[in-house]
Amino acid sequence: MKKSMIALSISISMFLIACGNETNNPASTATNSNTMATMTADTAIEKTYDVKILDNKKDPTCGMPVTAGVSDTAHYKNKVIGFCATECKAEFLKNPEANIAAAELIK
């Protein structure tokens, strides 16, 4: 009986030690981090804009019709200007006066 208790104690101790090491395992931590990053990317909310709120027909930088999709907007002279990409918005903001004519304003 005494030998059985010692063997059981040793088995439980080894089990607890092994479980404790799993949380400190770098591979396990990396997997958890990758899973969290994937979950965050998969559950990210993408902004979408209704073209009804826009005052332009085309992206003033690249000429793409806003009906194809708008990922960013800017306010310029009381107008809401839609852009297909943040890069197009950034380019427009460098010199809006020169680029506004290409927007084909509706209102």
C-alpha atoms as a PDB file:
ATOM      1  CA  MET A   1       0.000   0.000   0.000  1.00  0.00           C
ATOM      2  CA  LYS A   2       2.829   2.363   0.886  1.00  0.00           C
ATOM      3  CA  LYS A   3       4.536   1.693  -2.461  1.00  0.00           C
ATOM      4  CA  SER A   4       1.276   2.454  -4.289  1.00  0.00           C
ATOM      5  CA  MET A   5       0.913   5.811  -2.526  1.00  0.00           C
ATOM      6  CA  ILE A   6       4.499   6.753  -3.350  1.00  0.00           C
ATOM      7  CA  ALA A   7       4.014   5.778  -6.998  1.00  0.00           C
ATOM      8  CA  LEU A   8       0.756   7.747  -7.142  1.00  0.00           C
ATOM      9  CA  SER A   9       2.423  10.805  -5.546  1.00  0.00           C
ATOM     10  CA  ILE A  10       5.288  10.649  -8.026  1.00  0.00           C
ATOM     11  CA  SER A  11       2.853  10.302 -10.957  1.00  0.00           C
ATOM     12  CA  ILE A  12       0.783  13.275  -9.804  1.00  0.00           C
ATOM     13  CA  SER A  13       3.925  15.357  -9.241  1.00  0.00           C
ATOM     14  CA  MET A  14       5.219  14.556 -12.719  1.00  0.00           C
ATOM     15  CA  PHE A  15       1.843  15.379 -14.225  1.00  0.00           C
ATOM     16  CA  LEU A  16       1.700  18.748 -12.460  1.00  0.00           C
ATOM     17  CA  ILE A  17       5.267  19.595 -13.453  1.00  0.00           C
ATOM     18  CA  ALA A  18       4.580  18.660 -17.078  1.00  0.00           C
ATOM     19  CA  CYS A  19       1.409  20.785 -17.135  1.00  0.00           C
ATOM     20  CA  GLY A  20       3.244  23.738 -15.625  1.00  0.00           C
ATOM     21  CA  ASN A  21       5.948  23.567 -18.304  1.00  0.00           C
ATOM     22  CA  GLU A  22       3.415  23.648 -21.113  1.00  0.00           C
ATOM     23  CA  THR A  23       2.405  27.234 -20.323  1.00  0.00           C
ATOM     24  CA  ASN A  24       6.065  28.304 -20.431  1.00  0.00           C
ATOM     25  CA  ASN A  25       6.694  26.536 -23.719  1.00  0.00           C
ATOM     26  CA  PRO A  26       7.688  29.175 -26.331  1.00  0.00           C
ATOM     27  CA  ALA A  27       6.125  27.144 -29.142  1.00  0.00           C
ATOM     28  CA  SER A  28       2.838  27.037 -27.257  1.00  0.00           C
ATOM     29  CA  THR A  29       2.973  30.793 -26.635  1.00  0.00           C
ATOM     30  CA  ALA A  30       3.735  31.473 -30.301  1.00  0.00           C
ATOM     31  CA  THR A  31       0.780  29.344 -31.351  1.00  0.00           C
ATOM     32  CA  ASN A  32      -1.513  31.216 -28.971  1.00  0.00           C
ATOM     33  CA  SER A  33      -0.242  34.576 -30.260  1.00  0.00           C
ATOM     34  CA  ASN A  34      -0.743  33.526 -33.876  1.00  0.00           C
ATOM     35  CA  THR A  35      -4.238  32.312 -33.109  1.00  0.00           C
ATOM     36  CA  MET A  36      -5.078  35.631 -31.436  1.00  0.00           C
ATOM     37  CA  ALA A  37      -3.669  37.595 -34.371  1.00  0.00           C
ATOM     38  CA  THR A  38      -5.709  35.502 -36.780  1.00  0.00           C
ATOM     39  CA  MET A  39      -8.848  36.004 -34.722  1.00  0.00           C
ATOM     40  CA  THR A  40      -8.259  39.742 -34.590  1.00  0.00           C
ATOM     41  CA  ALA A  41      -7.696  39.951 -38.342  1.00  0.00           C
ATOM     42  CA  ASP A  42     -10.724  37.793 -39.102  1.00  0.00           C
ATOM     43  CA  THR A  43     -13.006  39.761 -36.807  1.00  0.00           C
ATOM     44  CA  ALA A  44     -11.779  43.230 -37.798  1.00  0.00           C
ATOM     45  CA  ILE A  45     -14.593  45.512 -38.825  1.00  0.00           C
ATOM     46  CA  GLU A  46     -14.115  47.027 -42.239  1.00  0.00           C
ATOM     47  CA  LYS A  47     -15.462  50.526 -42.773  1.00  0.00           C
ATOM     48  CA  THR A  48     -17.766  50.946 -45.707  1.00  0.00           C
ATOM     49  CA  TYR A  49     -19.298  54.152 -46.948  1.00  0.00           C
ATOM     50  CA  ASP A  50     -22.616  54.635 -48.677  1.00  0.00           C
ATOM     51  CA  VAL A  51     -22.091  56.497 -51.957  1.00  0.00           C
ATOM     52  CA  LYS A  52     -25.227  58.522 -51.184  1.00  0.00           C
ATOM     53  CA  ILE A  53     -23.257  60.579 -48.640  1.00  0.00           C
ATOM     54  CA  LEU A  54     -20.537  61.457 -51.154  1.00  0.00           C
ATOM     55  CA  ASP A  55     -20.333  64.600 -53.241  1.00  0.00           C
ATOM     56  CA  ASN A  56     -18.139  63.091 -55.962  1.00  0.00           C
ATOM     57  CA  LYS A  57     -18.590  60.527 -58.746  1.00  0.00           C
ATOM     58  CA  LYS A  58     -14.916  59.589 -59.105  1.00  0.00           C
ATOM     59  CA  ASP A  59     -11.868  59.278 -56.893  1.00  0.00           C
ATOM     60  CA  PRO A  60     -10.114  62.570 -57.712  1.00  0.00           C
ATOM     61  CA  THR A  61      -6.667  60.963 -57.574  1.00  0.00           C
ATOM     62  CA  CYS A  62      -7.003  57.812 -59.677  1.00  0.00           C
ATOM     63  CA  GLY A  63     -10.346  58.337 -61.410  1.00  0.00           C
ATOM     64  CA  MET A  64     -11.993  55.165 -60.113  1.00  0.00           C
ATOM     65  CA  PRO A  65     -15.804  55.500 -59.845  1.00  0.00           C
ATOM     66  CA  VAL A  66     -16.875  55.702 -56.202  1.00  0.00           C
ATOM     67  CA  THR A  67     -19.589  53.136 -56.948  1.00  0.00           C
ATOM     68  CA  ALA A  68     -16.762  50.558 -57.184  1.00  0.00           C
ATOM     69  CA  GLY A  69     -16.039  51.044 -53.473  1.00  0.00           C
ATOM     70  CA  VAL A  70     -14.906  53.691 -51.045  1.00  0.00           C
ATOM     71  CA  SER A  71     -12.409  52.953 -48.284  1.00  0.00           C
ATOM     72  CA  ASP A  72     -11.813  56.504 -47.018  1.00  0.00           C
ATOM     73  CA  THR A  73     -13.287  59.991 -47.137  1.00  0.00           C
ATOM     74  CA  ALA A  74     -12.185  63.578 -46.632  1.00  0.00           C
ATOM     75  CA  HIS A  75     -14.066  66.807 -46.101  1.00  0.00           C
ATOM     76  CA  TYR A  76     -13.066  69.571 -48.494  1.00  0.00           C
ATOM     77  CA  LYS A  77     -14.914  72.895 -48.839  1.00  0.00           C
ATOM     78  CA  ASN A  78     -18.096  71.505 -47.231  1.00  0.00           C
ATOM     79  CA  LYS A  79     -18.032  68.461 -49.521  1.00  0.00           C
ATOM     80  CA  VAL A  80     -17.543  64.799 -48.604  1.00  0.00           C
ATOM     81  CA  ILE A  81     -15.052  63.336 -51.051  1.00  0.00           C
ATOM     82  CA  GLY A  82     -14.728  59.536 -51.326  1.00  0.00           C
ATOM     83  CA  PHE A  83     -11.521  57.673 -52.145  1.00  0.00           C
ATOM     84  CA  CYS A  84     -10.884  54.085 -53.202  1.00  0.00           C
ATOM     85  CA  ALA A  85      -7.810  53.862 -50.930  1.00  0.00           C
ATOM     86  CA  THR A  86      -6.101  55.791 -48.154  1.00  0.00           C
ATOM     87  CA  GLU A  87      -3.145  56.323 -50.490  1.00  0.00           C
ATOM     88  CA  CYS A  88      -5.403  58.174 -52.938  1.00  0.00           C
ATOM     89  CA  LYS A  89      -6.702  60.342 -50.108  1.00  0.00           C
ATOM     90  CA  ALA A  90      -3.146  61.152 -48.981  1.00  0.00           C
ATOM     91  CA  GLU A  91      -2.172  62.121 -52.527  1.00  0.00           C
ATOM     92  CA  PHE A  92      -5.270  64.323 -52.875  1.00  0.00           C
ATOM     93  CA  LEU A  93      -4.563  66.114 -49.602  1.00  0.00           C
ATOM     94  CA  LYS A  94      -1.104  67.145 -50.822  1.00  0.00           C
ATOM     95  CA  ASN A  95      -2.748  69.510 -53.331  1.00  0.00           C
ATOM     96  CA  PRO A  96      -6.564  69.366 -53.127  1.00  0.00           C
ATOM     97  CA  GLU A  97      -7.173  72.486 -55.207  1.00  0.00           C
ATOM     98  CA  ALA A  98      -5.413  70.948 -58.213  1.00  0.00           C
ATOM     99  CA  ASN A  99      -7.156  67.573 -57.842  1.00  0.00           C
ATOM    100  CA  ILE A 100     -10.751  68.545 -57.021  1.00  0.00           C
ATOM    101  CA  ALA A 101     -11.821  68.988 -60.668  1.00  0.00           C
ATOM    102  CA  ALA A 102     -11.172  65.288 -61.343  1.00  0.00           C
ATOM    103  CA  ALA A 103     -13.666  64.339 -58.622  1.00  0.00           C
ATOM    104  CA  GLU A 104     -16.669  65.190 -60.816  1.00  0.00           C
ATOM    105  CA  LEU A 105     -18.671  66.763 -58.006  1.00  0.00           C
ATOM    106  CA  ILE A 106     -22.403  66.033 -58.006  1.00  0.00           C
ATOM    107  CA  LYS A 107     -23.760  68.634 -55.650  1.00  0.00           C
END
